[in-house]
Amino acid sequence: MSIEIHPQFKLNGFSFDNDGLKEVGYSLVKEGDIYEQSIGDFLLEWCNDYSSISVKTSGSTGNPKQISLQKRHMVNSSLATGAFFELEPGSSALHCLPTDFIAGKMMLVRAMVLGLELDYVAPSSRPLDFVSKTYDFCAMVPFQLENSMEKIDTIKTLIVGGAPMSANLKELVRNKKTNVYETYGMTETITHIAVKSINNVRSSLSKEPVPSTVEVLKTGSVETSFKTLPKVKISTDERNCLIINAPHISDNPVVTNDVVNLISENEFDWLGRFDNIINSGGIKLFPEQIEAKLTGMVENRFFVTGLPDEKLGHRLVLVVEGNIDVETLFQKVKSTSALEKFEIPKEIYTVSEFISASNNKILRKETLQAVLGTK
């Protein structure tokens, strides 16, 4: 199933039809850097006659696996993104994500389907360091955004995914001109199915300046809840986990392990992963929410988790990467007003290096086993 390439599509300044992209793909696979070889592999797969492509999941919530996605669904996802963010043929975009995973692949698909002028750079922690022009659209992970603050105004609209944005990072972008959106999605939903305005707050659907539902952070900034893209309907199961019904990108409903506060059939607040919930003394704790409050207080990479406890069921602990002064950090955490009493970790563990997936996401279970010396 060969997909027609939009006539206004450009890659690094050059126009290509389907045959031209095949030649580029072969060239990148043969002569390109490692990240360019991934781009070449995907271009060749996209331009072949098959109706689906094979995509690797991130491995952040389990073992990485290969799944098959329909090209027509990827096209539909691109059209929904283009409509939501008002991307027109000829709009400029920057591709700075690894093309091994779905987020990077979809930057290429959006450009080919919507007719964007796409430039790519090596995926790195500082993707804007060698960029000298302004772009209409870009996608980053939070770590890239954090290291791009000095030049972030060169991006007009930025979507941020792959991991939740911390409260500190949201505060950093609050007064930036760039329209920053946090995204919600996964490989199975072909990247984002919902977005949240982080700064310049307005309802992206109605264009009204005052959203109906907002979250007030301790920093004083305001953000909207997640709102779904067109044609996406949501509900929850008995665990309060999100169910996504989007026939244009998935033939079947997608049942997630994400616990949410459902506001309507197209609006929700994300609370955390069901498999990460810690039941401590009868109180359900969401590690992701506690981690957001601790960001900025803990300089090294970290996560919170639960360990079995005779009295509490599970006790909350903090796991930190690298050498730190544990006692100083513990006193700092205990005295902060950002945490509720039951959100303060009972212990702090350290490990020289976290175990991570190939996309640098922390593998919590494996890291904790290494810390405790268990298998």
Protein backbone atom coordinates (compact mmCIF):
# COMPACT_ATOMS: atom_id res chain seq x y z
CA MET A 1 0.00 0.00 0.00
CA SER A 2 1.96 2.98 -1.29
CA ILE A 3 0.85 6.29 0.29
CA GLU A 4 0.87 9.37 -1.94
CA ILE A 5 3.41 11.96 -0.85
CA HIS A 6 2.07 15.52 -0.55
CA PRO A 7 3.53 17.66 -3.37
CA GLN A 8 4.65 20.37 -0.92
CA PHE A 9 6.57 17.98 1.31
CA LYS A 10 10.26 18.78 1.68
CA LEU A 11 12.99 16.99 3.60
CA ASN A 12 15.99 19.14 4.53
CA GLY A 13 15.00 21.58 1.81
CA PHE A 14 14.47 19.09 -1.05
CA SER A 15 11.22 17.84 -2.63
CA PHE A 16 10.67 14.11 -3.19
CA ASP A 17 8.04 11.84 -4.65
CA ASN A 18 7.69 8.19 -3.64
CA ASP A 19 10.52 6.97 -5.88
CA GLY A 20 12.76 9.82 -4.76
CA LEU A 21 12.19 8.94 -1.11
CA LYS A 22 13.18 5.34 -1.81
CA GLU A 23 16.47 6.57 -3.23
CA VAL A 24 16.99 8.78 -0.17
CA GLY A 25 16.18 5.84 2.09
CA TYR A 26 18.72 3.57 0.39
CA SER A 27 21.34 6.33 0.54
CA LEU A 28 20.79 7.00 4.26
CA VAL A 29 20.87 3.30 5.14
CA LYS A 30 24.10 2.83 3.21
CA GLU A 31 25.99 6.04 4.00
CA GLY A 32 24.24 7.88 6.82
CA ASP A 33 25.01 8.21 10.50
CA ILE A 34 23.28 5.75 12.84
CA TYR A 35 20.29 8.08 13.41
CA GLU A 36 20.03 8.69 9.65
CA GLN A 37 20.04 4.95 8.98
CA SER A 38 16.91 4.71 11.15
CA ILE A 39 15.29 7.44 9.04
CA GLY A 40 16.30 5.59 5.87
CA ASP A 41 14.91 2.29 7.11
CA PHE A 42 11.57 3.90 7.90
CA LEU A 43 11.33 5.74 4.56
CA LEU A 44 11.88 2.46 2.74
CA GLU A 45 9.24 0.73 4.86
CA TRP A 46 6.78 3.58 4.34
CA CYS A 47 7.25 3.57 0.57
CA ASN A 48 6.85 -0.18 0.08
CA ASP A 49 3.63 -1.90 -1.03
CA TYR A 50 2.65 -3.32 2.36
CA SER A 51 -0.31 -1.85 4.25
CA SER A 52 1.32 -1.95 7.69
CA ILE A 53 4.63 -1.28 9.36
CA SER A 54 6.35 -2.89 12.35
CA VAL A 55 6.97 -0.60 15.34
CA LYS A 56 8.88 -1.19 18.56
CA THR A 57 7.23 -0.16 21.83
CA SER A 58 9.28 1.82 24.34
CA GLY A 59 9.46 -0.80 27.08
CA SER A 60 8.66 1.71 29.82
CA THR A 61 5.73 -0.34 31.16
CA GLY A 62 6.93 -3.82 30.26
CA ASN A 63 9.27 -5.62 27.92
CA PRO A 64 9.72 -3.89 24.54
CA LYS A 65 7.81 -5.65 21.77
CA GLN A 66 7.11 -5.31 18.07
CA ILE A 67 3.57 -4.43 17.03
CA SER A 68 2.03 -3.85 13.63
CA LEU A 69 0.38 -0.52 12.76
CA GLN A 70 -1.76 0.20 9.72
CA LYS A 71 -0.41 2.93 7.43
CA ARG A 72 -3.93 4.26 6.93
CA HIS A 73 -4.23 4.74 10.69
CA MET A 74 -0.94 6.63 10.74
CA VAL A 75 -2.23 8.88 7.97
CA ASN A 76 -5.44 9.52 9.95
CA SER A 77 -3.41 10.37 13.05
CA SER A 78 -1.36 12.85 11.03
CA LEU A 79 -4.48 14.51 9.64
CA ALA A 80 -5.94 14.87 13.15
CA THR A 81 -2.73 16.47 14.42
CA GLY A 82 -2.61 18.80 11.44
CA ALA A 83 -6.20 19.90 11.99
CA PHE A 84 -5.78 20.38 15.74
CA PHE A 85 -2.62 22.48 15.48
CA GLU A 86 -3.66 24.19 12.23
CA LEU A 87 -0.63 22.96 10.28
CA GLU A 88 -0.85 23.94 6.63
CA PRO A 89 1.07 22.69 3.56
CA GLY A 90 4.40 24.50 3.61
CA SER A 91 4.51 24.82 7.41
CA SER A 92 8.01 24.20 8.75
CA ALA A 93 8.83 21.46 11.24
CA LEU A 94 11.91 20.19 13.06
CA HIS A 95 12.51 16.46 13.60
CA CYS A 96 14.84 15.83 16.56
CA LEU A 97 13.57 12.50 17.96
CA PRO A 98 14.95 8.98 17.35
CA THR A 99 13.17 7.39 14.40
CA ASP A 100 13.42 3.96 16.03
CA PHE A 101 10.22 4.67 17.97
CA ILE A 102 6.73 5.82 17.00
CA ALA A 103 7.15 9.49 17.95
CA GLY A 104 10.06 9.90 15.56
CA LYS A 105 8.38 7.93 12.79
CA MET A 106 5.25 10.06 13.04
CA MET A 107 7.17 13.31 12.57
CA LEU A 108 8.14 11.99 9.14
CA VAL A 109 4.63 10.73 8.37
CA ARG A 110 3.04 14.07 9.32
CA ALA A 111 5.43 15.89 7.03
CA MET A 112 4.78 13.55 4.10
CA VAL A 113 0.99 13.56 4.57
CA LEU A 114 0.48 17.24 5.43
CA GLY A 115 3.08 18.69 3.07
CA LEU A 116 5.38 20.08 5.76
CA GLU A 117 8.89 21.33 5.15
CA LEU A 118 10.77 19.06 7.56
CA ASP A 119 14.38 19.44 8.66
CA TYR A 120 16.00 16.71 10.73
CA VAL A 121 18.89 16.93 13.18
CA ALA A 122 20.61 14.28 15.27
CA PRO A 123 18.48 13.36 18.30
CA SER A 124 20.33 14.74 21.31
CA SER A 125 19.72 16.34 24.69
CA ARG A 126 20.26 19.81 23.13
CA PRO A 127 18.54 19.63 19.72
CA LEU A 128 18.42 23.40 19.14
CA ASP A 129 22.13 24.09 19.64
CA PHE A 130 22.85 24.06 15.91
CA VAL A 131 19.49 25.33 14.66
CA SER A 132 19.48 28.81 13.14
CA LYS A 133 15.91 29.23 11.87
CA THR A 134 12.36 29.38 13.21
CA TYR A 135 9.99 26.42 12.97
CA ASP A 136 6.21 26.23 13.14
CA PHE A 137 6.11 22.79 14.79
CA CYS A 138 8.35 20.42 16.73
CA ALA A 139 8.12 17.45 19.14
CA MET A 140 10.50 16.84 22.06
CA VAL A 141 10.82 14.81 25.22
CA PRO A 142 10.96 16.76 28.51
CA PHE A 143 14.75 16.41 28.87
CA GLN A 144 15.28 18.01 25.45
CA LEU A 145 12.96 20.89 26.31
CA GLU A 146 14.73 21.49 29.62
CA ASN A 147 18.03 21.88 27.76
CA SER A 148 16.57 24.11 25.03
CA MET A 149 15.22 27.04 27.04
CA GLU A 150 17.66 29.60 25.62
CA LYS A 151 16.44 29.02 22.06
CA ILE A 152 12.93 27.63 22.59
CA ASP A 153 11.36 30.79 21.14
CA THR A 154 12.54 29.58 17.71
CA ILE A 155 9.71 27.00 17.91
CA LYS A 156 6.15 28.33 17.54
CA THR A 157 4.27 25.19 18.64
CA LEU A 158 5.94 22.44 20.65
CA ILE A 159 4.45 19.12 21.74
CA VAL A 160 6.16 17.32 24.62
CA GLY A 161 5.73 13.61 25.30
CA GLY A 162 7.47 10.41 26.28
CA ALA A 163 7.27 11.25 29.99
CA PRO A 164 5.24 13.63 32.19
CA MET A 165 6.45 17.21 32.43
CA SER A 166 7.58 18.17 35.93
CA ALA A 167 6.13 21.17 37.78
CA ASN A 168 9.50 22.91 37.48
CA LEU A 169 9.63 22.44 33.72
CA LYS A 170 6.09 23.76 33.35
CA GLU A 171 7.10 26.84 35.31
CA LEU A 172 10.14 27.38 33.07
CA VAL A 173 7.97 27.61 29.94
CA ARG A 174 5.13 29.58 31.54
CA ASN A 175 6.17 32.95 30.08
CA LYS A 176 7.71 31.69 26.84
CA LYS A 177 6.22 32.71 23.49
CA THR A 178 6.26 29.10 22.31
CA ASN A 179 2.88 27.37 22.64
CA VAL A 180 3.79 24.29 24.68
CA TYR A 181 1.50 21.26 24.89
CA GLU A 182 1.99 18.13 26.94
CA THR A 183 0.74 15.06 25.08
CA TYR A 184 -0.87 11.80 26.13
CA GLY A 185 -0.53 8.71 24.00
CA MET A 186 1.40 5.52 23.31
CA THR A 187 2.63 3.38 20.46
CA GLU A 188 -0.70 1.56 20.24
CA THR A 189 -2.54 4.88 19.71
CA ILE A 190 0.05 6.11 17.17
CA THR A 191 1.37 8.81 19.54
CA HIS A 192 -0.90 11.42 21.09
CA ILE A 193 -4.67 11.15 21.30
CA ALA A 194 -4.96 14.04 23.78
CA VAL A 195 -3.04 17.23 24.59
CA LYS A 196 -2.83 19.68 27.47
CA SER A 197 -1.99 23.38 27.16
CA ILE A 198 0.90 24.16 29.50
CA ASN A 199 1.33 27.89 28.84
CA ASN A 200 -0.56 30.62 26.97
CA VAL A 201 -3.55 28.75 28.36
CA ARG A 202 -6.65 28.51 26.23
CA SER A 203 -9.03 25.82 25.16
CA SER A 204 -7.50 24.44 21.99
CA LEU A 205 -10.89 23.28 20.77
CA SER A 206 -12.93 26.41 21.42
CA LYS A 207 -10.08 28.99 21.27
CA GLU A 208 -11.56 30.57 24.40
CA PRO A 209 -8.91 32.17 26.63
CA VAL A 210 -10.35 30.78 29.88
CA PRO A 211 -10.58 26.96 30.08
CA SER A 212 -13.47 25.30 31.84
CA THR A 213 -11.23 22.99 33.83
CA VAL A 214 -7.83 24.06 35.10
CA GLU A 215 -5.15 22.86 37.48
CA VAL A 216 -3.47 25.47 39.66
CA LEU A 217 0.12 24.51 40.43
CA LYS A 218 1.97 25.53 43.59
CA THR A 219 4.04 27.84 41.40
CA GLY A 220 0.94 29.78 40.47
CA SER A 221 0.86 28.72 36.82
CA VAL A 222 -2.35 27.41 35.30
CA GLU A 223 -2.88 24.60 32.83
CA THR A 224 -5.82 22.83 31.24
CA SER A 225 -6.75 19.18 31.59
CA PHE A 226 -6.00 16.76 28.78
CA LYS A 227 -8.42 17.20 25.88
CA THR A 228 -8.80 14.57 23.19
CA LEU A 229 -8.23 15.17 19.51
CA PRO A 230 -11.23 14.98 17.14
CA LYS A 231 -12.88 11.56 16.72
CA VAL A 232 -11.48 10.26 20.02
CA LYS A 233 -13.90 9.19 22.77
CA ILE A 234 -12.80 8.07 26.23
CA SER A 235 -14.23 6.18 29.20
CA THR A 236 -12.89 4.23 32.19
CA ASP A 237 -12.98 0.66 33.42
CA GLU A 238 -13.59 -0.65 36.96
CA ARG A 239 -10.01 0.32 37.92
CA ASN A 240 -10.63 3.93 36.77
CA CYS A 241 -8.14 3.26 33.97
CA LEU A 242 -8.58 5.04 30.66
CA ILE A 243 -10.26 3.31 27.70
CA ILE A 244 -9.66 4.94 24.31
CA ASN A 245 -12.15 4.52 21.49
CA ALA A 246 -10.72 5.95 18.26
CA PRO A 247 -11.76 3.91 15.20
CA HIS A 248 -9.77 6.13 12.84
CA ILE A 249 -6.46 5.01 14.42
CA SER A 250 -7.30 1.66 16.03
CA ASP A 251 -9.76 -1.03 14.99
CA ASN A 252 -10.39 -1.92 18.64
CA PRO A 253 -10.70 0.12 21.85
CA VAL A 254 -7.39 0.53 23.67
CA VAL A 255 -7.57 -0.36 27.37
CA THR A 256 -4.73 1.33 29.26
CA ASN A 257 -3.20 1.02 32.73
CA ASP A 258 -3.41 4.78 33.26
CA VAL A 259 -5.60 5.87 36.18
CA VAL A 260 -7.46 9.06 35.34
CA ASN A 261 -10.05 11.44 36.66
CA LEU A 262 -12.63 11.42 33.87
CA ILE A 263 -14.20 14.83 33.36
CA SER A 264 -16.16 14.14 30.18
CA GLU A 265 -16.01 11.90 27.13
CA ASN A 266 -13.22 14.10 25.76
CA GLU A 267 -11.47 15.53 28.83
CA PHE A 268 -9.48 13.96 31.69
CA ASP A 269 -6.76 14.42 34.30
CA TRP A 270 -3.99 11.83 34.37
CA LEU A 271 -3.18 10.53 37.87
CA GLY A 272 -0.60 7.80 37.29
CA ARG A 273 0.01 4.19 36.29
CA PHE A 274 -2.22 1.54 37.89
CA ASP A 275 0.75 -0.83 38.21
CA ASN A 276 2.74 1.85 40.06
CA ILE A 277 0.11 2.67 42.71
CA ILE A 278 1.39 2.28 46.27
CA ASN A 279 -1.15 1.37 48.96
CA SER A 280 0.41 2.65 52.16
CA GLY A 281 -1.68 2.44 55.30
CA GLY A 282 -4.86 2.43 53.22
CA ILE A 283 -3.87 5.55 51.25
CA LYS A 284 -3.33 5.21 47.50
CA LEU A 285 -0.18 7.04 46.44
CA PHE A 286 0.65 7.85 42.82
CA PRO A 287 4.45 7.91 42.37
CA GLU A 288 4.23 10.12 39.31
CA GLN A 289 2.51 12.91 41.26
CA ILE A 290 5.01 12.72 44.12
CA GLU A 291 7.92 12.72 41.67
CA ALA A 292 6.59 15.86 40.02
CA LYS A 293 6.67 17.61 43.40
CA LEU A 294 10.21 16.40 44.12
CA THR A 295 11.64 17.53 40.78
CA GLY A 296 14.05 20.40 41.38
CA MET A 297 14.61 19.22 44.95
CA VAL A 298 16.54 16.13 43.82
CA GLU A 299 19.28 16.95 41.32
CA ASN A 300 20.04 13.38 40.18
CA ARG A 301 17.66 11.05 38.40
CA PHE A 302 15.22 9.43 40.84
CA PHE A 303 11.91 7.67 41.31
CA VAL A 304 9.66 6.72 44.21
CA THR A 305 8.23 3.27 44.78
CA GLY A 306 6.84 1.01 47.50
CA LEU A 307 8.46 -1.75 49.52
CA PRO A 308 6.56 -4.38 51.58
CA ASP A 309 5.90 -3.27 55.16
CA GLU A 310 4.25 -5.25 57.97
CA LYS A 311 2.30 -2.30 59.38
CA LEU A 312 1.58 -0.18 56.29
CA GLY A 313 1.31 -2.87 53.65
CA HIS A 314 3.84 -0.89 51.61
CA ARG A 315 6.11 1.96 52.66
CA LEU A 316 7.10 4.77 50.31
CA VAL A 317 10.82 4.96 49.43
CA LEU A 318 12.91 7.24 47.23
CA VAL A 319 15.53 5.73 44.88
CA VAL A 320 18.26 8.08 43.62
CA GLU A 321 20.95 7.54 40.99
CA GLY A 322 24.58 8.40 41.82
CA ASN A 323 26.47 9.45 44.92
CA ILE A 324 24.51 11.85 47.17
CA ASP A 325 24.42 12.99 50.76
CA VAL A 326 21.45 10.87 51.83
CA GLU A 327 20.94 12.51 55.24
CA THR A 328 20.96 16.06 53.81
CA LEU A 329 18.48 15.09 51.10
CA PHE A 330 16.26 13.29 53.60
CA GLN A 331 16.05 16.39 55.82
CA LYS A 332 15.32 18.54 52.77
CA VAL A 333 12.49 16.25 51.66
CA LYS A 334 11.01 16.02 55.17
CA SER A 335 10.91 19.81 55.57
CA THR A 336 9.38 20.72 52.20
CA SER A 337 5.87 22.11 52.08
CA ALA A 338 5.35 20.63 48.60
CA LEU A 339 4.62 17.16 49.99
CA GLU A 340 1.73 16.02 52.13
CA LYS A 341 2.74 14.12 55.28
CA PHE A 342 1.90 10.73 53.75
CA GLU A 343 3.89 11.59 50.58
CA ILE A 344 7.23 11.88 52.43
CA PRO A 345 9.44 8.83 51.68
CA LYS A 346 10.31 6.67 54.68
CA GLU A 347 13.76 5.79 53.32
CA ILE A 348 16.20 6.84 50.59
CA TYR A 349 18.16 4.28 48.56
CA THR A 350 20.99 5.03 46.14
CA VAL A 351 22.41 3.11 43.19
CA SER A 352 25.37 4.02 40.99
CA GLU A 353 23.40 3.77 37.76
CA PHE A 354 19.75 3.14 36.89
CA ILE A 355 18.80 0.35 34.53
CA SER A 356 17.19 2.01 31.50
CA ALA A 357 15.44 1.05 28.28
CA SER A 358 17.07 1.85 24.94
CA ASN A 359 15.23 5.21 24.84
CA ASN A 360 16.64 6.15 28.28
CA LYS A 361 13.40 5.53 30.20
CA ILE A 362 14.04 4.17 33.69
CA LEU A 363 13.15 0.51 34.22
CA ARG A 364 11.89 0.80 37.78
CA LYS A 365 11.34 -2.85 38.62
CA GLU A 366 14.76 -3.96 37.37
CA THR A 367 16.51 -1.02 39.06
CA LEU A 368 14.80 -1.73 42.39
CA GLN A 369 15.82 -5.38 42.17
CA ALA A 370 19.42 -4.27 41.63
CA VAL A 371 19.22 -1.91 44.62
CA LEU A 372 17.87 -4.65 46.90
CA GLY A 373 20.11 -7.34 45.48
CA THR A 374 17.20 -9.50 44.37
CA LYS A 375 16.26 -11.06 41.05
